[in-house]
Amino acid sequence: MTTTLTAQPVPGADAVDVHRDDSHLAARSWESLFRAQVALMQRFSAEDIWAPATVREYDVLFTLSLADPCGLRLNELNRDVLISQPSLSRMVDRLESRGLVTKRPAEGDGRGTLIALTPEGAQLQKTIGRRHVRSIRAYVEPALTAGEMATLDELCTKLRLAQAQIPDAAPRR
């Protein structure tokens, strides 16, 4: 089965009909989402808004800002950041030494550790976050309508939340 997609007209060009096989729609959709994320992250990373943190450190601070104030276990934190667990563990140690996060034993679990923002970490996250939101608006709002942004938010949230219910496609290493 094929679907005819009509490409959006480019100024000075005629509209083009593109015939694509529906069996590749998931791959094309993912690639589009991924490439958009890469293009935006390159722009965000190049900006001088992150100091005194790095983009990855900010990601950890932001993730913790959304969590229960009691904190997250390292494996819970690792679910929402794109950093290997050993790298994340070292980063948390560095953030703790800078007074931005705390680590404490999890109640009832002798081996568990909870990681939480300190007041200084929360303040830094808010400060950088305000600058980052201005950048996001500068790059996203000219490209998408309010309705398109709402749809993108809804679709990405739906895709993310569905992963817990979808079996692994390949065995884990």
C-alpha atoms as a PDB file:
ATOM      1  CA  MET A   1       0.000   0.000   0.000  1.00  0.00           C
ATOM      2  CA  THR A   2       1.355   3.430  -0.877  1.00  0.00           C
ATOM      3  CA  THR A   3       0.365   6.838   0.312  1.00  0.00           C
ATOM      4  CA  THR A   4       0.608   9.982  -1.713  1.00  0.00           C
ATOM      5  CA  LEU A   5       2.063  12.832   0.271  1.00  0.00           C
ATOM      6  CA  THR A   6       2.016  16.308  -1.125  1.00  0.00           C
ATOM      7  CA  ALA A   7       5.110  18.203  -0.133  1.00  0.00           C
ATOM      8  CA  GLN A   8       4.624  21.726   1.109  1.00  0.00           C
ATOM      9  CA  PRO A   9       5.305  24.178  -1.697  1.00  0.00           C
ATOM     10  CA  VAL A  10       8.678  25.809  -1.643  1.00  0.00           C
ATOM     11  CA  PRO A  11       8.645  29.408  -2.794  1.00  0.00           C
ATOM     12  CA  GLY A  12       9.468  29.456  -6.483  1.00  0.00           C
ATOM     13  CA  ALA A  13       8.901  25.700  -6.915  1.00  0.00           C
ATOM     14  CA  ASP A  14       5.934  23.584  -7.984  1.00  0.00           C
ATOM     15  CA  ALA A  15       4.250  21.239  -5.462  1.00  0.00           C
ATOM     16  CA  VAL A  16       5.596  17.705  -5.803  1.00  0.00           C
ATOM     17  CA  ASP A  17       3.699  14.454  -5.194  1.00  0.00           C
ATOM     18  CA  VAL A  18       5.856  11.934  -3.393  1.00  0.00           C
ATOM     19  CA  HIS A  19       4.873   8.237  -3.380  1.00  0.00           C
ATOM     20  CA  ARG A  20       6.118   6.421  -0.316  1.00  0.00           C
ATOM     21  CA  ASP A  21       5.615   2.962   1.073  1.00  0.00           C
ATOM     22  CA  ASP A  22       3.668   2.993   4.373  1.00  0.00           C
ATOM     23  CA  SER A  23       5.903   0.225   5.746  1.00  0.00           C
ATOM     24  CA  HIS A  24       8.648   2.836   6.175  1.00  0.00           C
ATOM     25  CA  LEU A  25       6.454   5.482   7.818  1.00  0.00           C
ATOM     26  CA  ALA A  26       7.640   4.682  11.363  1.00  0.00           C
ATOM     27  CA  ALA A  27      11.286   4.936  10.298  1.00  0.00           C
ATOM     28  CA  ARG A  28      10.704   8.192   8.403  1.00  0.00           C
ATOM     29  CA  SER A  29       8.774   9.659  11.328  1.00  0.00           C
ATOM     30  CA  TRP A  30      11.546   8.745  13.758  1.00  0.00           C
ATOM     31  CA  GLU A  31      14.237  10.122  11.458  1.00  0.00           C
ATOM     32  CA  SER A  32      12.334  13.391  11.087  1.00  0.00           C
ATOM     33  CA  LEU A  33      11.956  13.734  14.855  1.00  0.00           C
ATOM     34  CA  PHE A  34      15.578  12.776  15.470  1.00  0.00           C
ATOM     35  CA  ARG A  35      16.982  15.132  12.807  1.00  0.00           C
ATOM     36  CA  ALA A  36      14.889  18.025  14.126  1.00  0.00           C
ATOM     37  CA  GLN A  37      16.198  17.329  17.632  1.00  0.00           C
ATOM     38  CA  VAL A  38      19.800  17.211  16.373  1.00  0.00           C
ATOM     39  CA  ALA A  39      19.414  20.502  14.471  1.00  0.00           C
ATOM     40  CA  LEU A  40      17.961  22.248  17.509  1.00  0.00           C
ATOM     41  CA  MET A  41      20.448  20.738  19.975  1.00  0.00           C
ATOM     42  CA  GLN A  42      23.324  21.932  17.817  1.00  0.00           C
ATOM     43  CA  ARG A  43      21.947  25.462  18.013  1.00  0.00           C
ATOM     44  CA  PHE A  44      21.254  25.241  21.762  1.00  0.00           C
ATOM     45  CA  SER A  45      24.687  23.760  22.501  1.00  0.00           C
ATOM     46  CA  ALA A  46      26.433  26.560  20.624  1.00  0.00           C
ATOM     47  CA  GLU A  47      24.791  29.238  22.743  1.00  0.00           C
ATOM     48  CA  ASP A  48      26.499  30.972  25.630  1.00  0.00           C
ATOM     49  CA  ILE A  49      23.658  30.364  28.096  1.00  0.00           C
ATOM     50  CA  TRP A  50      24.779  27.316  30.058  1.00  0.00           C
ATOM     51  CA  ALA A  51      27.537  28.614  32.346  1.00  0.00           C
ATOM     52  CA  PRO A  52      28.380  27.654  34.998  1.00  0.00           C
ATOM     53  CA  ALA A  53      27.000  24.268  33.903  1.00  0.00           C
ATOM     54  CA  THR A  54      27.231  22.236  30.711  1.00  0.00           C
ATOM     55  CA  VAL A  55      24.250  21.259  28.567  1.00  0.00           C
ATOM     56  CA  ARG A  56      24.370  17.718  29.998  1.00  0.00           C
ATOM     57  CA  GLU A  57      24.644  18.959  33.572  1.00  0.00           C
ATOM     58  CA  TYR A  58      21.664  21.215  32.952  1.00  0.00           C
ATOM     59  CA  ASP A  59      19.731  18.201  31.634  1.00  0.00           C
ATOM     60  CA  VAL A  60      20.357  16.394  34.933  1.00  0.00           C
ATOM     61  CA  LEU A  61      19.390  19.469  36.977  1.00  0.00           C
ATOM     62  CA  PHE A  62      16.235  19.929  34.886  1.00  0.00           C
ATOM     63  CA  THR A  63      15.254  16.270  35.260  1.00  0.00           C
ATOM     64  CA  LEU A  64      15.720  16.483  39.025  1.00  0.00           C
ATOM     65  CA  SER A  65      13.651  19.695  39.101  1.00  0.00           C
ATOM     66  CA  LEU A  66      10.682  17.702  37.771  1.00  0.00           C
ATOM     67  CA  ALA A  67      11.133  14.857  40.259  1.00  0.00           C
ATOM     68  CA  ASP A  68       9.788  14.306  43.739  1.00  0.00           C
ATOM     69  CA  PRO A  69      11.715  16.612  46.119  1.00  0.00           C
ATOM     70  CA  CYS A  70      12.939  13.481  47.944  1.00  0.00           C
ATOM     71  CA  GLY A  71      14.977  12.711  44.839  1.00  0.00           C
ATOM     72  CA  LEU A  72      15.517   9.970  42.301  1.00  0.00           C
ATOM     73  CA  ARG A  73      17.589   6.829  42.311  1.00  0.00           C
ATOM     74  CA  LEU A  74      20.406   6.859  39.767  1.00  0.00           C
ATOM     75  CA  ASN A  75      18.611   4.347  37.526  1.00  0.00           C
ATOM     76  CA  GLU A  76      15.452   6.506  37.604  1.00  0.00           C
ATOM     77  CA  LEU A  77      17.440   9.602  36.706  1.00  0.00           C
ATOM     78  CA  ASN A  78      19.176   7.643  33.943  1.00  0.00           C
ATOM     79  CA  ARG A  79      15.818   6.880  32.250  1.00  0.00           C
ATOM     80  CA  ASP A  80      15.348  10.534  31.320  1.00  0.00           C
ATOM     81  CA  VAL A  81      18.856  11.619  30.346  1.00  0.00           C
ATOM     82  CA  LEU A  82      20.962  10.475  27.423  1.00  0.00           C
ATOM     83  CA  ILE A  83      24.132   9.630  29.351  1.00  0.00           C
ATOM     84  CA  SER A  84      25.551   6.212  30.212  1.00  0.00           C
ATOM     85  CA  GLN A  85      25.043   5.186  33.835  1.00  0.00           C
ATOM     86  CA  PRO A  86      28.780   5.270  34.688  1.00  0.00           C
ATOM     87  CA  SER A  87      29.106   8.773  33.182  1.00  0.00           C
ATOM     88  CA  LEU A  88      25.968   9.890  35.003  1.00  0.00           C
ATOM     89  CA  SER A  89      27.315   8.555  38.288  1.00  0.00           C
ATOM     90  CA  ARG A  90      30.547  10.548  37.856  1.00  0.00           C
ATOM     91  CA  MET A  91      28.559  13.643  36.864  1.00  0.00           C
ATOM     92  CA  VAL A  92      26.369  13.348  39.964  1.00  0.00           C
ATOM     93  CA  ASP A  93      29.528  13.147  42.082  1.00  0.00           C
ATOM     94  CA  ARG A  94      30.830  16.348  40.432  1.00  0.00           C
ATOM     95  CA  LEU A  95      27.482  18.116  40.902  1.00  0.00           C
ATOM     96  CA  GLU A  96      27.457  17.047  44.546  1.00  0.00           C
ATOM     97  CA  SER A  97      30.989  18.391  45.087  1.00  0.00           C
ATOM     98  CA  ARG A  98      29.805  21.734  43.659  1.00  0.00           C
ATOM     99  CA  GLY A  99      26.855  21.798  46.074  1.00  0.00           C
ATOM    100  CA  LEU A 100      24.180  21.468  43.349  1.00  0.00           C
ATOM    101  CA  VAL A 101      22.805  18.043  44.312  1.00  0.00           C
ATOM    102  CA  THR A 102      22.744  15.857  47.398  1.00  0.00           C
ATOM    103  CA  LYS A 103      23.016  12.112  47.669  1.00  0.00           C
ATOM    104  CA  ARG A 104      21.501  10.278  50.605  1.00  0.00           C
ATOM    105  CA  PRO A 105      20.566   6.697  51.412  1.00  0.00           C
ATOM    106  CA  ALA A 106      17.101   5.591  50.355  1.00  0.00           C
ATOM    107  CA  GLU A 107      14.955   4.647  53.337  1.00  0.00           C
ATOM    108  CA  GLY A 108      14.501   0.902  53.667  1.00  0.00           C
ATOM    109  CA  ASP A 109      17.144   0.107  51.058  1.00  0.00           C
ATOM    110  CA  GLY A 110      20.712  -0.257  52.301  1.00  0.00           C
ATOM    111  CA  ARG A 111      22.171  -0.020  48.798  1.00  0.00           C
ATOM    112  CA  GLY A 112      19.869   2.620  47.294  1.00  0.00           C
ATOM    113  CA  THR A 113      20.816   6.275  46.991  1.00  0.00           C
ATOM    114  CA  LEU A 114      18.517   9.195  46.296  1.00  0.00           C
ATOM    115  CA  ILE A 115      19.768  12.195  44.342  1.00  0.00           C
ATOM    116  CA  ALA A 116      18.039  15.544  44.805  1.00  0.00           C
ATOM    117  CA  LEU A 117      18.621  19.192  43.992  1.00  0.00           C
ATOM    118  CA  THR A 118      20.003  21.470  46.662  1.00  0.00           C
ATOM    119  CA  PRO A 119      18.526  24.979  46.884  1.00  0.00           C
ATOM    120  CA  GLU A 120      21.615  26.174  44.962  1.00  0.00           C
ATOM    121  CA  GLY A 121      21.061  23.529  42.287  1.00  0.00           C
ATOM    122  CA  ALA A 122      17.384  24.466  41.987  1.00  0.00           C
ATOM    123  CA  GLN A 123      18.295  28.142  41.615  1.00  0.00           C
ATOM    124  CA  LEU A 124      20.915  27.417  38.954  1.00  0.00           C
ATOM    125  CA  GLN A 125      18.433  25.239  37.054  1.00  0.00           C
ATOM    126  CA  LYS A 126      15.875  28.063  37.090  1.00  0.00           C
ATOM    127  CA  THR A 127      18.417  30.657  35.986  1.00  0.00           C
ATOM    128  CA  ILE A 128      19.701  28.597  33.075  1.00  0.00           C
ATOM    129  CA  GLY A 129      16.178  27.348  32.346  1.00  0.00           C
ATOM    130  CA  ARG A 130      14.882  30.877  31.773  1.00  0.00           C
ATOM    131  CA  ARG A 131      17.651  31.523  29.240  1.00  0.00           C
ATOM    132  CA  HIS A 132      17.018  28.164  27.588  1.00  0.00           C
ATOM    133  CA  VAL A 133      13.272  28.815  27.256  1.00  0.00           C
ATOM    134  CA  ARG A 134      14.051  32.077  25.446  1.00  0.00           C
ATOM    135  CA  SER A 135      16.232  30.112  23.006  1.00  0.00           C
ATOM    136  CA  ILE A 136      13.594  27.450  22.516  1.00  0.00           C
ATOM    137  CA  ARG A 137      11.021  30.096  21.699  1.00  0.00           C
ATOM    138  CA  ALA A 138      13.418  31.825  19.291  1.00  0.00           C
ATOM    139  CA  TYR A 139      13.946  28.642  17.272  1.00  0.00           C
ATOM    140  CA  VAL A 140      10.578  26.872  17.562  1.00  0.00           C
ATOM    141  CA  GLU A 141       7.933  29.604  17.437  1.00  0.00           C
ATOM    142  CA  PRO A 142       8.949  30.928  13.996  1.00  0.00           C
ATOM    143  CA  ALA A 143       8.723  27.396  12.588  1.00  0.00           C
ATOM    144  CA  LEU A 144       5.465  26.117  14.101  1.00  0.00           C
ATOM    145  CA  THR A 145       2.027  27.506  14.862  1.00  0.00           C
ATOM    146  CA  ALA A 146       0.627  27.256  18.376  1.00  0.00           C
ATOM    147  CA  GLY A 147      -1.592  24.389  17.217  1.00  0.00           C
ATOM    148  CA  GLU A 148       1.366  22.552  15.678  1.00  0.00           C
ATOM    149  CA  MET A 149       3.380  22.978  18.881  1.00  0.00           C
ATOM    150  CA  ALA A 150       0.465  21.570  20.909  1.00  0.00           C
ATOM    151  CA  THR A 151       0.193  18.616  18.522  1.00  0.00           C
ATOM    152  CA  LEU A 152       3.951  18.005  18.677  1.00  0.00           C
ATOM    153  CA  ASP A 153       3.830  18.053  22.486  1.00  0.00           C
ATOM    154  CA  GLU A 154       0.890  15.636  22.526  1.00  0.00           C
ATOM    155  CA  LEU A 155       2.461  13.231  20.036  1.00  0.00           C
ATOM    156  CA  CYS A 156       5.900  13.192  21.642  1.00  0.00           C
ATOM    157  CA  THR A 157       4.394  12.653  25.096  1.00  0.00           C
ATOM    158  CA  LYS A 158       2.212   9.836  23.769  1.00  0.00           C
ATOM    159  CA  LEU A 159       5.203   8.199  22.067  1.00  0.00           C
ATOM    160  CA  ARG A 160       7.373   8.466  25.207  1.00  0.00           C
ATOM    161  CA  LEU A 161       4.736   7.132  27.601  1.00  0.00           C
ATOM    162  CA  ALA A 162       3.804   4.231  25.310  1.00  0.00           C
ATOM    163  CA  GLN A 163       7.328   2.783  25.482  1.00  0.00           C
ATOM    164  CA  ALA A 164       6.687   1.247  28.907  1.00  0.00           C
ATOM    165  CA  GLN A 165       3.941  -0.912  27.372  1.00  0.00           C
ATOM    166  CA  ILE A 166       5.706  -1.915  24.141  1.00  0.00           C
ATOM    167  CA  PRO A 167       7.860  -5.070  24.265  1.00  0.00           C
ATOM    168  CA  ASP A 168      11.513  -4.839  23.269  1.00  0.00           C
ATOM    169  CA  ALA A 169      12.032  -5.454  19.548  1.00  0.00           C
ATOM    170  CA  ALA A 170      15.441  -7.025  20.067  1.00  0.00           C
ATOM    171  CA  PRO A 171      17.075  -8.719  23.045  1.00  0.00           C
ATOM    172  CA  ARG A 172      18.966  -6.352  25.336  1.00  0.00           C
ATOM    173  CA  ARG A 173      22.715  -6.701  25.575  1.00  0.00           C
END
